[in-house]
Amino acid sequence: MKKTNILLAAAAAAIVSLSGCAGGGPTNAQVGTGVGAVAGGVAGNALFGSTLGTVGGAAAGALVGNEVGKRR
């Protein structure tokens, strides 16, 4: 069951990050959001072992990744 949560978080992050790629490629903020969401989802699952932990971690990681990407 845990692998399913990780795959769902990764798939959601990929969809979100690729949805903004209609132009000349992803921005640093978009890449940061995708990477942060995946890393946060994995960390949330490892720490809490539940769907809520995975989704919460992915959301927090996306926010942090977006802010880091904006500053580069």
PDB file of N, CA and C in Angstrom:
ATOM      1  N   MET A   1       0.812  -1.193   0.000  1.00  0.00           N
ATOM      2  CA  MET A   1       0.000   0.000   0.000  1.00  0.00           C
ATOM      3  C   MET A   1       0.859   1.262   0.000  1.00  0.00           C
ATOM      4  N   LYS A   2       1.991   1.244   0.652  1.00  0.00           N
ATOM      5  CA  LYS A   2       2.825   2.427   0.711  1.00  0.00           C
ATOM      6  C   LYS A   2       3.387   2.790  -0.654  1.00  0.00           C
ATOM      7  N   LYS A   3       3.725   1.797  -1.456  1.00  0.00           N
ATOM      8  CA  LYS A   3       4.250   2.084  -2.787  1.00  0.00           C
ATOM      9  C   LYS A   3       3.194   2.759  -3.642  1.00  0.00           C
ATOM     10  N   THR A   4       1.946   2.400  -3.446  1.00  0.00           N
ATOM     11  CA  THR A   4       0.858   3.020  -4.198  1.00  0.00           C
ATOM     12  C   THR A   4       0.764   4.498  -3.872  1.00  0.00           C
ATOM     13  N   ASN A   5       0.887   4.841  -2.604  1.00  0.00           N
ATOM     14  CA  ASN A   5       0.823   6.251  -2.210  1.00  0.00           C
ATOM     15  C   ASN A   5       1.967   7.042  -2.820  1.00  0.00           C
ATOM     16  N   ILE A   6       3.140   6.472  -2.826  1.00  0.00           N
ATOM     17  CA  ILE A   6       4.299   7.156  -3.400  1.00  0.00           C
ATOM     18  C   ILE A   6       4.100   7.351  -4.896  1.00  0.00           C
ATOM     19  N   LEU A   7       3.601   6.332  -5.575  1.00  0.00           N
ATOM     20  CA  LEU A   7       3.365   6.450  -7.010  1.00  0.00           C
ATOM     21  C   LEU A   7       2.291   7.488  -7.309  1.00  0.00           C
ATOM     22  N   LEU A   8       1.246   7.542  -6.488  1.00  0.00           N
ATOM     23  CA  LEU A   8       0.202   8.544  -6.689  1.00  0.00           C
ATOM     24  C   LEU A   8       0.754   9.953  -6.506  1.00  0.00           C
ATOM     25  N   ALA A   9       1.572  10.142  -5.491  1.00  0.00           N
ATOM     26  CA  ALA A   9       2.168  11.461  -5.266  1.00  0.00           C
ATOM     27  C   ALA A   9       3.078  11.847  -6.420  1.00  0.00           C
ATOM     28  N   ALA A  10       3.867  10.912  -6.910  1.00  0.00           N
ATOM     29  CA  ALA A  10       4.762  11.188  -8.037  1.00  0.00           C
ATOM     30  C   ALA A  10       3.970  11.507  -9.302  1.00  0.00           C
ATOM     31  N   ALA A  11       2.909  10.759  -9.540  1.00  0.00           N
ATOM     32  CA  ALA A  11       2.089  11.001 -10.728  1.00  0.00           C
ATOM     33  C   ALA A  11       1.407  12.369 -10.645  1.00  0.00           C
ATOM     34  N   ALA A  12       0.886  12.709  -9.476  1.00  0.00           N
ATOM     35  CA  ALA A  12       0.238  14.009  -9.314  1.00  0.00           C
ATOM     36  C   ALA A  12       1.231  15.144  -9.518  1.00  0.00           C
ATOM     37  N   ALA A  13       2.427  14.992  -8.980  1.00  0.00           N
ATOM     38  CA  ALA A  13       3.451  16.026  -9.147  1.00  0.00           C
ATOM     39  C   ALA A  13       3.846  16.168 -10.617  1.00  0.00           C
ATOM     40  N   ALA A  14       3.949  15.051 -11.313  1.00  0.00           N
ATOM     41  CA  ALA A  14       4.313  15.101 -12.731  1.00  0.00           C
ATOM     42  C   ALA A  14       3.235  15.797 -13.550  1.00  0.00           C
ATOM     43  N   ILE A  15       1.983  15.508 -13.249  1.00  0.00           N
ATOM     44  CA  ILE A  15       0.880  16.139 -13.981  1.00  0.00           C
ATOM     45  C   ILE A  15       0.872  17.636 -13.742  1.00  0.00           C
ATOM     46  N   VAL A  16       1.041  18.026 -12.481  1.00  0.00           N
ATOM     47  CA  VAL A  16       1.036  19.451 -12.156  1.00  0.00           C
ATOM     48  C   VAL A  16       2.207  20.159 -12.821  1.00  0.00           C
ATOM     49  N   SER A  17       3.380  19.570 -12.758  1.00  0.00           N
ATOM     50  CA  SER A  17       4.551  20.243 -13.308  1.00  0.00           C
ATOM     51  C   SER A  17       4.534  20.278 -14.831  1.00  0.00           C
ATOM     52  N   LEU A  18       3.966  19.276 -15.465  1.00  0.00           N
ATOM     53  CA  LEU A  18       3.928  19.254 -16.927  1.00  0.00           C
ATOM     54  C   LEU A  18       2.780  20.060 -17.515  1.00  0.00           C
ATOM     55  N   SER A  19       1.783  20.375 -16.706  1.00  0.00           N
ATOM     56  CA  SER A  19       0.635  21.109 -17.234  1.00  0.00           C
ATOM     57  C   SER A  19       1.000  22.532 -17.647  1.00  0.00           C
ATOM     58  N   GLY A  20       2.061  23.089 -17.102  1.00  0.00           N
ATOM     59  CA  GLY A  20       2.468  24.439 -17.457  1.00  0.00           C
ATOM     60  C   GLY A  20       3.546  24.494 -18.523  1.00  0.00           C
ATOM     61  N   CYS A  21       3.772  23.422 -19.233  1.00  0.00           N
ATOM     62  CA  CYS A  21       4.884  23.345 -20.184  1.00  0.00           C
ATOM     63  C   CYS A  21       4.461  23.619 -21.619  1.00  0.00           C
ATOM     64  N   ALA A  22       3.453  24.416 -21.834  1.00  0.00           N
ATOM     65  CA  ALA A  22       3.008  24.681 -23.193  1.00  0.00           C
ATOM     66  C   ALA A  22       3.985  25.576 -23.941  1.00  0.00           C
ATOM     67  N   GLY A  23       4.738  26.379 -23.229  1.00  0.00           N
ATOM     68  CA  GLY A  23       5.651  27.339 -23.861  1.00  0.00           C
ATOM     69  C   GLY A  23       7.045  26.790 -24.001  1.00  0.00           C
ATOM     70  N   GLY A  24       8.018  27.604 -23.667  1.00  0.00           N
ATOM     71  CA  GLY A  24       9.415  27.288 -23.888  1.00  0.00           C
ATOM     72  C   GLY A  24      10.055  26.481 -22.776  1.00  0.00           C
ATOM     73  N   GLY A  25       9.351  25.615 -22.155  1.00  0.00           N
ATOM     74  CA  GLY A  25       9.921  24.779 -21.116  1.00  0.00           C
ATOM     75  C   GLY A  25       9.515  25.255 -19.730  1.00  0.00           C
ATOM     76  N   PRO A  26       9.732  24.417 -18.758  1.00  0.00           N
ATOM     77  CA  PRO A  26       9.315  24.766 -17.401  1.00  0.00           C
ATOM     78  C   PRO A  26      10.225  25.826 -16.782  1.00  0.00           C
ATOM     79  N   THR A  27       9.639  26.639 -15.940  1.00  0.00           N
ATOM     80  CA  THR A  27      10.426  27.624 -15.212  1.00  0.00           C
ATOM     81  C   THR A  27      11.072  26.950 -14.001  1.00  0.00           C
ATOM     82  N   ASN A  28      11.984  27.660 -13.377  1.00  0.00           N
ATOM     83  CA  ASN A  28      12.610  27.114 -12.168  1.00  0.00           C
ATOM     84  C   ASN A  28      11.581  26.870 -11.079  1.00  0.00           C
ATOM     85  N   ALA A  29      10.583  27.743 -10.982  1.00  0.00           N
ATOM     86  CA  ALA A  29       9.542  27.573  -9.973  1.00  0.00           C
ATOM     87  C   ALA A  29       8.729  26.309 -10.240  1.00  0.00           C
ATOM     88  N   GLN A  30       8.436  26.022 -11.491  1.00  0.00           N
ATOM     89  CA  GLN A  30       7.678  24.823 -11.832  1.00  0.00           C
ATOM     90  C   GLN A  30       8.476  23.558 -11.537  1.00  0.00           C
ATOM     91  N   VAL A  31       9.747  23.572 -11.877  1.00  0.00           N
ATOM     92  CA  VAL A  31      10.595  22.416 -11.589  1.00  0.00           C
ATOM     93  C   VAL A  31      10.710  22.225 -10.084  1.00  0.00           C
ATOM     94  N   GLY A  32      10.898  23.320  -9.355  1.00  0.00           N
ATOM     95  CA  GLY A  32      10.977  23.242  -7.898  1.00  0.00           C
ATOM     96  C   GLY A  32       9.700  22.697  -7.290  1.00  0.00           C
ATOM     97  N   THR A  33       8.555  23.096  -7.836  1.00  0.00           N
ATOM     98  CA  THR A  33       7.275  22.606  -7.338  1.00  0.00           C
ATOM     99  C   THR A  33       7.159  21.099  -7.533  1.00  0.00           C
ATOM    100  N   GLY A  34       7.499  20.624  -8.711  1.00  0.00           N
ATOM    101  CA  GLY A  34       7.413  19.189  -8.992  1.00  0.00           C
ATOM    102  C   GLY A  34       8.359  18.365  -8.134  1.00  0.00           C
ATOM    103  N   VAL A  35       9.596  18.804  -8.060  1.00  0.00           N
ATOM    104  CA  VAL A  35      10.591  18.070  -7.270  1.00  0.00           C
ATOM    105  C   VAL A  35      10.217  18.112  -5.791  1.00  0.00           C
ATOM    106  N   GLY A  36       9.786  19.275  -5.326  1.00  0.00           N
ATOM    107  CA  GLY A  36       9.389  19.405  -3.924  1.00  0.00           C
ATOM    108  C   GLY A  36       8.195  18.538  -3.575  1.00  0.00           C
ATOM    109  N   ALA A  37       7.229  18.450  -4.486  1.00  0.00           N
ATOM    110  CA  ALA A  37       6.049  17.634  -4.239  1.00  0.00           C
ATOM    111  C   ALA A  37       6.406  16.156  -4.133  1.00  0.00           C
ATOM    112  N   VAL A  38       7.251  15.691  -5.017  1.00  0.00           N
ATOM    113  CA  VAL A  38       7.652  14.282  -4.967  1.00  0.00           C
ATOM    114  C   VAL A  38       8.445  13.988  -3.691  1.00  0.00           C
ATOM    115  N   ALA A  39       9.424  14.844  -3.405  1.00  0.00           N
ATOM    116  CA  ALA A  39      10.242  14.629  -2.201  1.00  0.00           C
ATOM    117  C   ALA A  39       9.390  14.735  -0.934  1.00  0.00           C
ATOM    118  N   GLY A  40       8.500  15.702  -0.905  1.00  0.00           N
ATOM    119  CA  GLY A  40       7.625  15.859   0.254  1.00  0.00           C
ATOM    120  C   GLY A  40       6.670  14.686   0.423  1.00  0.00           C
ATOM    121  N   GLY A  41       6.159  14.171  -0.683  1.00  0.00           N
ATOM    122  CA  GLY A  41       5.273  13.005  -0.615  1.00  0.00           C
ATOM    123  C   GLY A  41       5.991  11.776  -0.096  1.00  0.00           C
ATOM    124  N   VAL A  42       7.203  11.572  -0.546  1.00  0.00           N
ATOM    125  CA  VAL A  42       7.996  10.433  -0.063  1.00  0.00           C
ATOM    126  C   VAL A  42       8.312  10.597   1.422  1.00  0.00           C
ATOM    127  N   ALA A  43       8.717  11.797   1.816  1.00  0.00           N
ATOM    128  CA  ALA A  43       9.038  12.044   3.225  1.00  0.00           C
ATOM    129  C   ALA A  43       7.802  11.924   4.104  1.00  0.00           C
ATOM    130  N   GLY A  44       6.681  12.461   3.649  1.00  0.00           N
ATOM    131  CA  GLY A  44       5.441  12.371   4.419  1.00  0.00           C
ATOM    132  C   GLY A  44       4.988  10.943   4.603  1.00  0.00           C
ATOM    133  N   ASN A  45       5.151  10.141   3.559  1.00  0.00           N
ATOM    134  CA  ASN A  45       4.783   8.731   3.663  1.00  0.00           C
ATOM    135  C   ASN A  45       5.710   8.000   4.619  1.00  0.00           C
ATOM    136  N   ALA A  46       6.994   8.303   4.550  1.00  0.00           N
ATOM    137  CA  ALA A  46       7.958   7.636   5.423  1.00  0.00           C
ATOM    138  C   ALA A  46       7.727   8.008   6.888  1.00  0.00           C
ATOM    139  N   LEU A  47       7.387   9.259   7.138  1.00  0.00           N
ATOM    140  CA  LEU A  47       7.192   9.703   8.521  1.00  0.00           C
ATOM    141  C   LEU A  47       5.860   9.254   9.109  1.00  0.00           C
ATOM    142  N   PHE A  48       4.784   9.362   8.326  1.00  0.00           N
ATOM    143  CA  PHE A  48       3.452   9.109   8.861  1.00  0.00           C
ATOM    144  C   PHE A  48       2.825   7.809   8.373  1.00  0.00           C
ATOM    145  N   GLY A  49       3.254   7.309   7.219  1.00  0.00           N
ATOM    146  CA  GLY A  49       2.772   6.030   6.714  1.00  0.00           C
ATOM    147  C   GLY A  49       1.297   6.001   6.365  1.00  0.00           C
ATOM    148  N   SER A  50       0.731   7.150   6.028  1.00  0.00           N
ATOM    149  CA  SER A  50      -0.683   7.184   5.674  1.00  0.00           C
ATOM    150  C   SER A  50      -0.875   8.054   4.435  1.00  0.00           C
ATOM    151  N   THR A  51      -2.049   7.947   3.852  1.00  0.00           N
ATOM    152  CA  THR A  51      -2.360   8.763   2.684  1.00  0.00           C
ATOM    153  C   THR A  51      -2.332  10.243   3.041  1.00  0.00           C
ATOM    154  N   LEU A  52      -2.868  10.577   4.201  1.00  0.00           N
ATOM    155  CA  LEU A  52      -2.872  11.969   4.639  1.00  0.00           C
ATOM    156  C   LEU A  52      -1.446  12.499   4.792  1.00  0.00           C
ATOM    157  N   GLY A  53      -0.563  11.692   5.335  1.00  0.00           N
ATOM    158  CA  GLY A  53       0.837  12.098   5.466  1.00  0.00           C
ATOM    159  C   GLY A  53       1.496  12.304   4.121  1.00  0.00           C
ATOM    160  N   THR A  54       1.182  11.431   3.166  1.00  0.00           N
ATOM    161  CA  THR A  54       1.748  11.551   1.822  1.00  0.00           C
ATOM    162  C   THR A  54       1.262  12.809   1.126  1.00  0.00           C
ATOM    163  N   VAL A  55      -0.039  13.040   1.170  1.00  0.00           N
ATOM    164  CA  VAL A  55      -0.611  14.215   0.507  1.00  0.00           C
ATOM    165  C   VAL A  55      -0.151  15.497   1.194  1.00  0.00           C
ATOM    166  N   GLY A  56      -0.142  15.496   2.518  1.00  0.00           N
ATOM    167  CA  GLY A  56       0.328  16.670   3.248  1.00  0.00           C
ATOM    168  C   GLY A  56       1.783  16.969   2.971  1.00  0.00           C
ATOM    169  N   GLY A  57       2.598  15.929   2.930  1.00  0.00           N
ATOM    170  CA  GLY A  57       4.010  16.117   2.612  1.00  0.00           C
ATOM    171  C   GLY A  57       4.214  16.627   1.202  1.00  0.00           C
ATOM    172  N   ALA A  58       3.420  16.112   0.267  1.00  0.00           N
ATOM    173  CA  ALA A  58       3.528  16.571  -1.115  1.00  0.00           C
ATOM    174  C   ALA A  58       3.127  18.041  -1.234  1.00  0.00           C
ATOM    175  N   ALA A  59       2.085  18.431  -0.526  1.00  0.00           N
ATOM    176  CA  ALA A  59       1.644  19.832  -0.566  1.00  0.00           C
ATOM    177  C   ALA A  59       2.700  20.752   0.035  1.00  0.00           C
ATOM    178  N   ALA A  60       3.224  20.363   1.182  1.00  0.00           N
ATOM    179  CA  ALA A  60       4.256  21.179   1.827  1.00  0.00           C
ATOM    180  C   ALA A  60       5.513  21.244   0.965  1.00  0.00           C
ATOM    181  N   GLY A  61       5.900  20.117   0.389  1.00  0.00           N
ATOM    182  CA  GLY A  61       7.078  20.087  -0.478  1.00  0.00           C
ATOM    183  C   GLY A  61       6.898  20.941  -1.721  1.00  0.00           C
ATOM    184  N   ALA A  62       5.688  20.948  -2.269  1.00  0.00           N
ATOM    185  CA  ALA A  62       5.408  21.765  -3.450  1.00  0.00           C
ATOM    186  C   ALA A  62       5.540  23.248  -3.119  1.00  0.00           C
ATOM    187  N   LEU A  63       5.035  23.651  -1.971  1.00  0.00           N
ATOM    188  CA  LEU A  63       5.144  25.054  -1.564  1.00  0.00           C
ATOM    189  C   LEU A  63       6.599  25.479  -1.381  1.00  0.00           C
ATOM    190  N   VAL A  64       7.350  24.642  -0.681  1.00  0.00           N
ATOM    191  CA  VAL A  64       8.757  24.961  -0.433  1.00  0.00           C
ATOM    192  C   VAL A  64       9.543  24.951  -1.754  1.00  0.00           C
ATOM    193  N   GLY A  65       9.308  23.939  -2.574  1.00  0.00           N
ATOM    194  CA  GLY A  65      10.006  23.844  -3.864  1.00  0.00           C
ATOM    195  C   GLY A  65       9.711  25.016  -4.773  1.00  0.00           C
ATOM    196  N   ASN A  66       8.479  25.484  -4.768  1.00  0.00           N
ATOM    197  CA  ASN A  66       8.102  26.633  -5.581  1.00  0.00           C
ATOM    198  C   ASN A  66       8.852  27.881  -5.129  1.00  0.00           C
ATOM    199  N   GLU A  67       8.923  28.099  -3.830  1.00  0.00           N
ATOM    200  CA  GLU A  67       9.630  29.274  -3.320  1.00  0.00           C
ATOM    201  C   GLU A  67      11.130  29.210  -3.606  1.00  0.00           C
ATOM    202  N   VAL A  68      11.704  28.028  -3.456  1.00  0.00           N
ATOM    203  CA  VAL A  68      13.123  27.877  -3.758  1.00  0.00           C
ATOM    204  C   VAL A  68      13.375  28.108  -5.247  1.00  0.00           C
ATOM    205  N   GLY A  69      12.488  27.584  -6.095  1.00  0.00           N
ATOM    206  CA  GLY A  69      12.637  27.765  -7.534  1.00  0.00           C
ATOM    207  C   GLY A  69      12.526  29.208  -7.972  1.00  0.00           C
ATOM    208  N   LYS A  70      11.697  29.992  -7.286  1.00  0.00           N
ATOM    209  CA  LYS A  70      11.535  31.407  -7.631  1.00  0.00           C
ATOM    210  C   LYS A  70      12.809  32.200  -7.363  1.00  0.00           C
ATOM    211  N   ARG A  71      13.589  31.750  -6.413  1.00  0.00           N
ATOM    212  CA  ARG A  71      14.775  32.497  -5.998  1.00  0.00           C
ATOM    213  C   ARG A  71      16.002  32.152  -6.829  1.00  0.00           C
ATOM    214  N   ARG A  72      15.898  31.241  -7.759  1.00  0.00           N
ATOM    215  CA  ARG A  72      17.051  30.840  -8.574  1.00  0.00           C
ATOM    216  C   ARG A  72      17.020  31.502  -9.912  1.00  0.00           C
TER     217      ARG A  72
END
